[in-house]
C-alpha cells in the first residue's frame, strides 16, 4: 500500500431505509469510508436484512463505525439494551457509534405549550410535529409502514446511561435544539484526552 492509497473503513448504516446518499452522515462521506446498509425491511433493498436487536450476520469487532439515525426509538424499551450491546459487539476496539434520535425533553416542552400537532420543522419526509416525534411519522404509518412507529424514547441522560450500560467506554450526548434531536457518540475505547465516565 502506498501512502496515497485511502484506508478503507466500514460504517454499518443501521436502519438505513431506502438508499439515498444524503442519508449517510457527512462524517462518512470521504473516500476512506465504505457503507454497509442494514435494515429490517427487505423492501428498501439493504445489503443485510436484519433487526438491530440481532446483528448476528455481522462478525464481532468487524466494523469501524455505526451510523444510527432515528431508529433506536422504534424499539420497545426492553429491546434497547440488546440493540446497543449488539452495536458494541460488532465494533472494532477503536470503533464508535454515532446515534441521533428525538430529544423527549425538547418535545415535552412543546407539548406543555399545547403545540402537540403543530409542525415545528420540515424534514425530507414532510412537516414534523411533536406528535410525530413521540409516536412516529403519522403519514408513513398511515400508508402502512408500521416500522415507522416509535415505541420508546430518550433524554440525554437516559441515552448516555443506556450506552454506558451496553459496554461503551466513553459517551458524549449533545442536544440539537433546532431539530429537537439528541446526538450521541459512543466509543469502544476512550479517544485520547477523553474524560472517562463517572
Protein backbone atom coordinates (compact mmCIF):
# COMPACT_ATOMS: atom_id res chain seq x y z
CA UNK A 1 0.00 0.00 0.00
CA UNK A 2 1.35 3.43 -0.94
CA UNK A 3 0.93 6.50 1.24
CA UNK A 4 -1.70 7.99 -1.08
CA UNK A 5 -3.94 4.88 -1.01
CA UNK A 6 -7.05 5.56 1.07
CA UNK A 7 -7.58 3.27 4.02
CA UNK A 8 -10.93 1.52 3.73
CA UNK A 9 -13.04 1.84 6.84
CA UNK A 10 -16.50 0.34 7.15
CA UNK A 11 -19.56 2.12 8.52
CA UNK A 12 -22.57 -0.07 9.28
CA UNK A 13 -25.59 2.10 8.48
CA UNK A 14 -28.33 0.55 10.62
CA UNK A 15 -31.98 1.27 9.90
CA UNK A 16 -30.79 2.70 6.58
CA UNK A 17 -34.15 2.84 4.79
CA UNK A 18 -34.29 3.50 1.05
CA UNK A 19 -30.84 4.17 -0.38
CA UNK A 20 -30.11 7.89 -0.63
CA UNK A 21 -26.52 9.13 -0.36
CA UNK A 22 -27.62 12.14 1.72
CA UNK A 23 -28.83 9.78 4.49
CA UNK A 24 -25.24 8.92 5.32
CA UNK A 25 -23.82 11.40 7.84
CA UNK A 26 -21.23 13.78 6.34
CA UNK A 27 -18.60 12.29 8.65
CA UNK A 28 -18.66 9.21 6.41
CA UNK A 29 -18.57 10.97 3.02
CA UNK A 30 -14.82 10.79 2.47
CA UNK A 31 -13.40 8.11 0.21
CA UNK A 32 -11.97 6.19 3.15
CA UNK A 33 -15.45 5.01 4.24
CA UNK A 34 -17.39 2.09 2.78
CA UNK A 35 -21.09 1.96 3.70
CA UNK A 36 -22.81 -1.34 4.51
CA UNK A 37 -26.59 -0.85 4.67
CA UNK A 38 -28.69 -2.82 7.18
CA UNK A 39 -32.46 -2.63 7.61
CA UNK A 40 -35.29 -4.84 8.87
CA UNK A 41 -37.39 -4.02 5.79
CA UNK A 42 -36.35 -6.04 2.70
CA UNK A 43 -38.32 -3.62 0.50
CA UNK A 44 -35.59 -0.97 0.93
CA UNK A 45 -33.03 -3.40 -0.54
CA UNK A 46 -30.33 -3.19 2.15
CA UNK A 47 -27.07 -5.15 1.99
CA UNK A 48 -28.16 -7.00 5.13
CA UNK A 49 -31.78 -7.67 6.14
CA UNK A 50 -31.81 -7.77 9.93
CA UNK A 51 -33.17 -6.17 13.06
CA UNK A 52 -30.80 -4.02 15.08
CA UNK A 53 -31.55 -6.34 18.01
CA UNK A 54 -29.90 -9.24 16.14
CA UNK A 55 -26.77 -8.37 14.20
CA UNK A 56 -25.61 -12.00 14.14
CA UNK A 57 -24.87 -11.67 10.42
CA UNK A 58 -22.12 -9.17 11.36
CA UNK A 59 -18.96 -10.57 12.94
CA UNK A 60 -17.60 -9.42 16.31
CA UNK A 61 -15.27 -6.43 16.02
CA UNK A 62 -15.67 -6.16 12.25
CA UNK A 63 -16.83 -2.57 11.61
CA UNK A 64 -15.18 0.77 12.31
CA UNK A 65 -18.35 2.75 12.94
CA UNK A 66 -22.11 2.50 13.24
CA UNK A 67 -24.44 5.21 11.96
CA UNK A 68 -27.90 5.05 13.53
CA UNK A 69 -30.28 7.83 12.52
CA UNK A 70 -33.75 7.73 14.03
CA UNK A 71 -34.21 4.02 14.56
CA UNK A 72 -33.42 3.12 18.19
CA UNK A 73 -36.69 4.81 19.23
CA UNK A 74 -38.57 2.30 17.06
CA UNK A 75 -37.66 -0.47 19.51
CA UNK A 76 -39.57 -1.46 22.64
CA UNK A 77 -37.74 -0.28 25.77
CA UNK A 78 -36.68 -3.82 26.73
CA UNK A 79 -35.04 -4.25 23.29
CA UNK A 80 -32.83 -1.16 23.57
CA UNK A 81 -30.10 -2.79 25.74
CA UNK A 82 -29.99 -5.73 23.32
CA UNK A 83 -29.52 -3.44 20.29
CA UNK A 84 -26.89 -1.23 21.93
CA UNK A 85 -24.96 -4.29 23.11
CA UNK A 86 -25.04 -5.57 19.52
CA UNK A 87 -23.71 -2.19 18.34
CA UNK A 88 -20.84 -2.53 20.82
CA UNK A 89 -20.14 -6.15 19.87
CA UNK A 90 -19.67 -5.56 16.14
CA UNK A 91 -17.40 -2.52 16.54
CA UNK A 92 -13.62 -2.75 16.36
CA UNK A 93 -11.65 -1.80 19.51
CA UNK A 94 -11.10 1.72 18.11
CA UNK A 95 -14.66 1.95 16.74
CA UNK A 96 -17.54 4.25 17.58
CA UNK A 97 -21.29 4.57 17.20
CA UNK A 98 -22.92 7.81 16.06
CA UNK A 99 -26.59 7.91 17.02
CA UNK A 100 -29.31 10.53 16.61
CA UNK A 101 -32.91 10.34 17.79
CA UNK A 102 -35.66 12.59 19.21
CA UNK A 103 -34.98 14.55 22.40
CA UNK A 104 -38.04 13.87 24.54
CA UNK A 105 -37.29 16.78 26.88
CA UNK A 106 -37.44 19.20 23.96
CA UNK A 107 -40.59 17.51 22.64
CA UNK A 108 -42.20 17.64 26.09
CA UNK A 109 -41.64 21.41 26.23
CA UNK A 110 -43.65 21.75 23.02
CA UNK A 111 -46.42 19.54 24.41
CA UNK A 112 -46.60 21.76 27.52
CA UNK A 113 -47.03 24.74 25.16
CA UNK A 114 -50.00 22.88 23.58
CA UNK A 115 -48.20 22.51 20.25
CA UNK A 116 -48.71 18.74 20.00
CA UNK A 117 -49.97 18.84 16.42
CA UNK A 118 -48.11 21.96 15.18
CA UNK A 119 -45.44 21.43 12.53
CA UNK A 120 -42.20 22.56 14.18
CA UNK A 121 -39.86 21.75 11.30
CA UNK A 122 -39.90 20.23 7.82
CA UNK A 123 -37.89 17.08 7.11
CA UNK A 124 -37.30 15.28 3.82
CA UNK A 125 -40.43 13.27 4.71
CA UNK A 126 -42.52 16.41 5.22
CA UNK A 127 -43.70 18.52 8.20
CA UNK A 128 -42.87 17.10 11.64
CA UNK A 129 -45.00 17.79 14.73
CA UNK A 130 -44.31 16.79 18.34
CA UNK A 131 -46.91 14.02 17.92
CA UNK A 132 -44.73 12.52 15.15
CA UNK A 133 -41.62 12.77 17.32
CA UNK A 134 -43.39 10.98 20.16
CA UNK A 135 -45.15 8.18 18.29
CA UNK A 136 -43.65 8.02 14.80
CA UNK A 137 -44.27 9.69 11.46
CA UNK A 138 -48.05 9.52 11.10
CA UNK A 139 -48.09 9.87 7.33
CA UNK A 140 -45.77 6.86 6.87
CA UNK A 141 -47.70 4.76 9.40
CA UNK A 142 -51.00 5.68 7.71
CA UNK A 143 -49.52 4.43 4.42
CA UNK A 144 -48.89 1.04 6.01
CA UNK A 145 -45.28 1.39 7.16
CA UNK A 146 -45.58 0.07 10.72
CA UNK A 147 -41.78 0.10 11.02
CA UNK A 148 -42.08 3.88 11.49
CA UNK A 149 -43.92 3.62 14.83
CA UNK A 150 -41.99 4.80 17.90
CA UNK A 151 -42.08 2.52 20.94
CA UNK A 152 -39.65 4.19 23.35
CA UNK A 153 -37.83 7.47 23.86
CA UNK A 154 -34.84 9.14 25.47
CA UNK A 155 -33.49 12.16 27.25
CA UNK A 156 -29.79 13.00 27.09
CA UNK A 157 -29.28 11.37 30.47
CA UNK A 158 -31.12 8.12 29.71
CA UNK A 159 -29.42 7.72 26.33
CA UNK A 160 -25.98 8.21 27.86
CA UNK A 161 -26.71 5.73 30.64
CA UNK A 162 -28.01 3.15 28.17
CA UNK A 163 -24.84 3.37 26.06
CA UNK A 164 -22.54 3.05 29.07
CA UNK A 165 -24.58 0.08 30.32
CA UNK A 166 -24.12 -1.57 26.91
CA UNK A 167 -20.34 -1.54 27.43
CA UNK A 168 -19.18 1.62 25.68
CA UNK A 169 -16.18 3.15 27.46
CA UNK A 170 -16.88 6.82 26.69
CA UNK A 171 -20.06 8.57 25.63
CA UNK A 172 -20.88 12.16 24.72
CA UNK A 173 -24.53 13.23 24.25
CA UNK A 174 -25.49 16.66 22.93
CA UNK A 175 -28.79 18.38 22.14
CA UNK A 176 -29.58 19.74 18.69
CA UNK A 177 -32.22 22.32 19.57
CA UNK A 178 -33.23 23.43 16.06
CA UNK A 179 -34.30 19.89 15.12
CA UNK A 180 -35.27 18.58 18.59
CA UNK A 181 -32.75 15.74 18.38
CA UNK A 182 -30.17 14.16 20.63
CA UNK A 183 -26.78 13.24 19.19
CA UNK A 184 -24.59 10.63 20.86
CA UNK A 185 -21.12 9.43 20.03
CA UNK A 186 -20.12 6.30 21.90
CA UNK A 187 -16.58 4.92 21.82
CA UNK A 188 -15.45 1.35 22.43
CA UNK A 189 -12.15 2.75 23.74
CA UNK A 190 -11.96 6.34 25.01
CA UNK A 191 -10.23 8.60 22.47
CA UNK A 192 -7.01 10.26 23.58
CA UNK A 193 -7.73 13.03 26.07
CA UNK A 194 -11.35 12.00 26.65
CA UNK A 195 -12.65 12.07 30.18
CA UNK A 196 -13.69 8.67 31.48
CA UNK A 197 -17.34 8.38 32.54
CA UNK A 198 -18.01 8.56 36.26
